[in-house]
Amino acid sequence: MNIVITGKLDFGTRDDFIYFINKFVDITVQDSVSKNTDFLVTNETTKTRKYTMAQQYGVRVITEEKFLHEFI
């Protein structure tokens, strides 16, 4: 599963979030959104460049909480 994480996380640091998720789901964290991205994980409500790219590529935008609920 390929994900992009953007914005501030409630979980803690980005590294802690990735480490925790990798215990349950095999993920690859990408720096930017592409056609190979499965999810954009964000808590931001503003439309950032990554959000706009996710929409263009049809990537699912999901909050941190919802991502954890669905995959953990």
C-alpha atoms as a PDB file:
ATOM      1  CA  MET A   1       0.000   0.000   0.000  1.00  0.00           C
ATOM      2  CA  ASN A   2       1.393   3.389  -0.974  1.00  0.00           C
ATOM      3  CA  ILE A   3       0.484   6.408   1.119  1.00  0.00           C
ATOM      4  CA  VAL A   4       1.414  10.061   1.357  1.00  0.00           C
ATOM      5  CA  ILE A   5       1.170  11.804   4.720  1.00  0.00           C
ATOM      6  CA  THR A   6       0.786  15.563   4.896  1.00  0.00           C
ATOM      7  CA  GLY A   7       0.102  18.022   7.686  1.00  0.00           C
ATOM      8  CA  LYS A   8       0.222  17.667  11.448  1.00  0.00           C
ATOM      9  CA  LEU A   9      -0.660  14.305  12.978  1.00  0.00           C
ATOM     10  CA  ASP A  10      -2.484  13.767  16.273  1.00  0.00           C
ATOM     11  CA  PHE A  11      -0.681  10.427  16.721  1.00  0.00           C
ATOM     12  CA  GLY A  12       2.685  12.042  17.363  1.00  0.00           C
ATOM     13  CA  THR A  13       5.627  12.202  15.037  1.00  0.00           C
ATOM     14  CA  ARG A  14       5.392  11.051  11.450  1.00  0.00           C
ATOM     15  CA  ASP A  15       8.046   8.394  12.148  1.00  0.00           C
ATOM     16  CA  ASP A  16       6.063   7.034  15.113  1.00  0.00           C
ATOM     17  CA  PHE A  17       2.902   6.894  12.987  1.00  0.00           C
ATOM     18  CA  ILE A  18       4.689   5.027  10.179  1.00  0.00           C
ATOM     19  CA  TYR A  19       6.368   2.611  12.606  1.00  0.00           C
ATOM     20  CA  PHE A  20       3.037   1.842  14.284  1.00  0.00           C
ATOM     21  CA  ILE A  21       1.155   1.296  11.024  1.00  0.00           C
ATOM     22  CA  ASN A  22       3.888  -0.968   9.648  1.00  0.00           C
ATOM     23  CA  LYS A  23       3.242  -3.352  12.539  1.00  0.00           C
ATOM     24  CA  PHE A  24      -0.181  -4.081  11.009  1.00  0.00           C
ATOM     25  CA  VAL A  25      -0.036  -3.120   7.334  1.00  0.00           C
ATOM     26  CA  ASP A  26       2.855  -3.188   4.879  1.00  0.00           C
ATOM     27  CA  ILE A  27       3.049   0.408   3.620  1.00  0.00           C
ATOM     28  CA  THR A  28       5.365   2.501   1.543  1.00  0.00           C
ATOM     29  CA  VAL A  29       5.369   6.187   2.377  1.00  0.00           C
ATOM     30  CA  GLN A  30       5.862   8.413  -0.645  1.00  0.00           C
ATOM     31  CA  ASP A  31       6.985  12.037  -0.611  1.00  0.00           C
ATOM     32  CA  SER A  32       4.532  13.132  -3.272  1.00  0.00           C
ATOM     33  CA  VAL A  33       1.194  12.026  -4.691  1.00  0.00           C
ATOM     34  CA  SER A  34       1.309  10.007  -7.907  1.00  0.00           C
ATOM     35  CA  LYS A  35      -0.911   7.628  -9.849  1.00  0.00           C
ATOM     36  CA  ASN A  36       0.572   4.850  -7.693  1.00  0.00           C
ATOM     37  CA  THR A  37      -0.593   6.410  -4.420  1.00  0.00           C
ATOM     38  CA  ASP A  38      -3.423   4.596  -2.632  1.00  0.00           C
ATOM     39  CA  PHE A  39      -4.170   7.128   0.126  1.00  0.00           C
ATOM     40  CA  LEU A  40      -3.394  10.693   1.107  1.00  0.00           C
ATOM     41  CA  VAL A  41      -3.496  10.793   4.902  1.00  0.00           C
ATOM     42  CA  THR A  42      -4.163  14.293   6.210  1.00  0.00           C
ATOM     43  CA  ASN A  43      -5.942  16.096   9.014  1.00  0.00           C
ATOM     44  CA  GLU A  44      -5.806  19.366   7.106  1.00  0.00           C
ATOM     45  CA  THR A  45      -9.017  20.937   5.884  1.00  0.00           C
ATOM     46  CA  THR A  46      -7.327  23.285   3.450  1.00  0.00           C
ATOM     47  CA  LYS A  47      -6.749  22.219  -0.116  1.00  0.00           C
ATOM     48  CA  THR A  48      -3.000  21.839  -0.385  1.00  0.00           C
ATOM     49  CA  ARG A  49      -1.049  20.968  -3.504  1.00  0.00           C
ATOM     50  CA  LYS A  50      -0.958  17.323  -2.409  1.00  0.00           C
ATOM     51  CA  TYR A  51      -4.727  17.367  -1.921  1.00  0.00           C
ATOM     52  CA  THR A  52      -5.239  18.809  -5.402  1.00  0.00           C
ATOM     53  CA  MET A  53      -2.907  16.197  -6.914  1.00  0.00           C
ATOM     54  CA  ALA A  54      -4.761  13.434  -5.070  1.00  0.00           C
ATOM     55  CA  GLN A  55      -8.024  14.597  -6.597  1.00  0.00           C
ATOM     56  CA  GLN A  56      -6.481  14.703 -10.066  1.00  0.00           C
ATOM     57  CA  TYR A  57      -5.195  11.136  -9.727  1.00  0.00           C
ATOM     58  CA  GLY A  58      -8.313   9.805  -8.024  1.00  0.00           C
ATOM     59  CA  VAL A  59      -6.424   9.052  -4.814  1.00  0.00           C
ATOM     60  CA  ARG A  60      -8.567   8.563  -1.727  1.00  0.00           C
ATOM     61  CA  VAL A  61      -8.084  11.354   0.837  1.00  0.00           C
ATOM     62  CA  ILE A  62      -8.536  10.088   4.376  1.00  0.00           C
ATOM     63  CA  THR A  63      -8.007  11.468   7.873  1.00  0.00           C
ATOM     64  CA  GLU A  64      -5.449   9.974  10.214  1.00  0.00           C
ATOM     65  CA  GLU A  65      -8.224   8.712  12.515  1.00  0.00           C
ATOM     66  CA  LYS A  66     -10.177   7.054   9.704  1.00  0.00           C
ATOM     67  CA  PHE A  67      -7.014   5.450   8.305  1.00  0.00           C
ATOM     68  CA  LEU A  68      -6.222   3.940  11.710  1.00  0.00           C
ATOM     69  CA  HIS A  69      -9.824   2.751  12.100  1.00  0.00           C
ATOM     70  CA  GLU A  70      -9.884   1.041   8.715  1.00  0.00           C
ATOM     71  CA  PHE A  71      -6.485  -0.634   8.793  1.00  0.00           C
ATOM     72  CA  ILE A  72      -5.567  -1.225  12.437  1.00  0.00           C
END
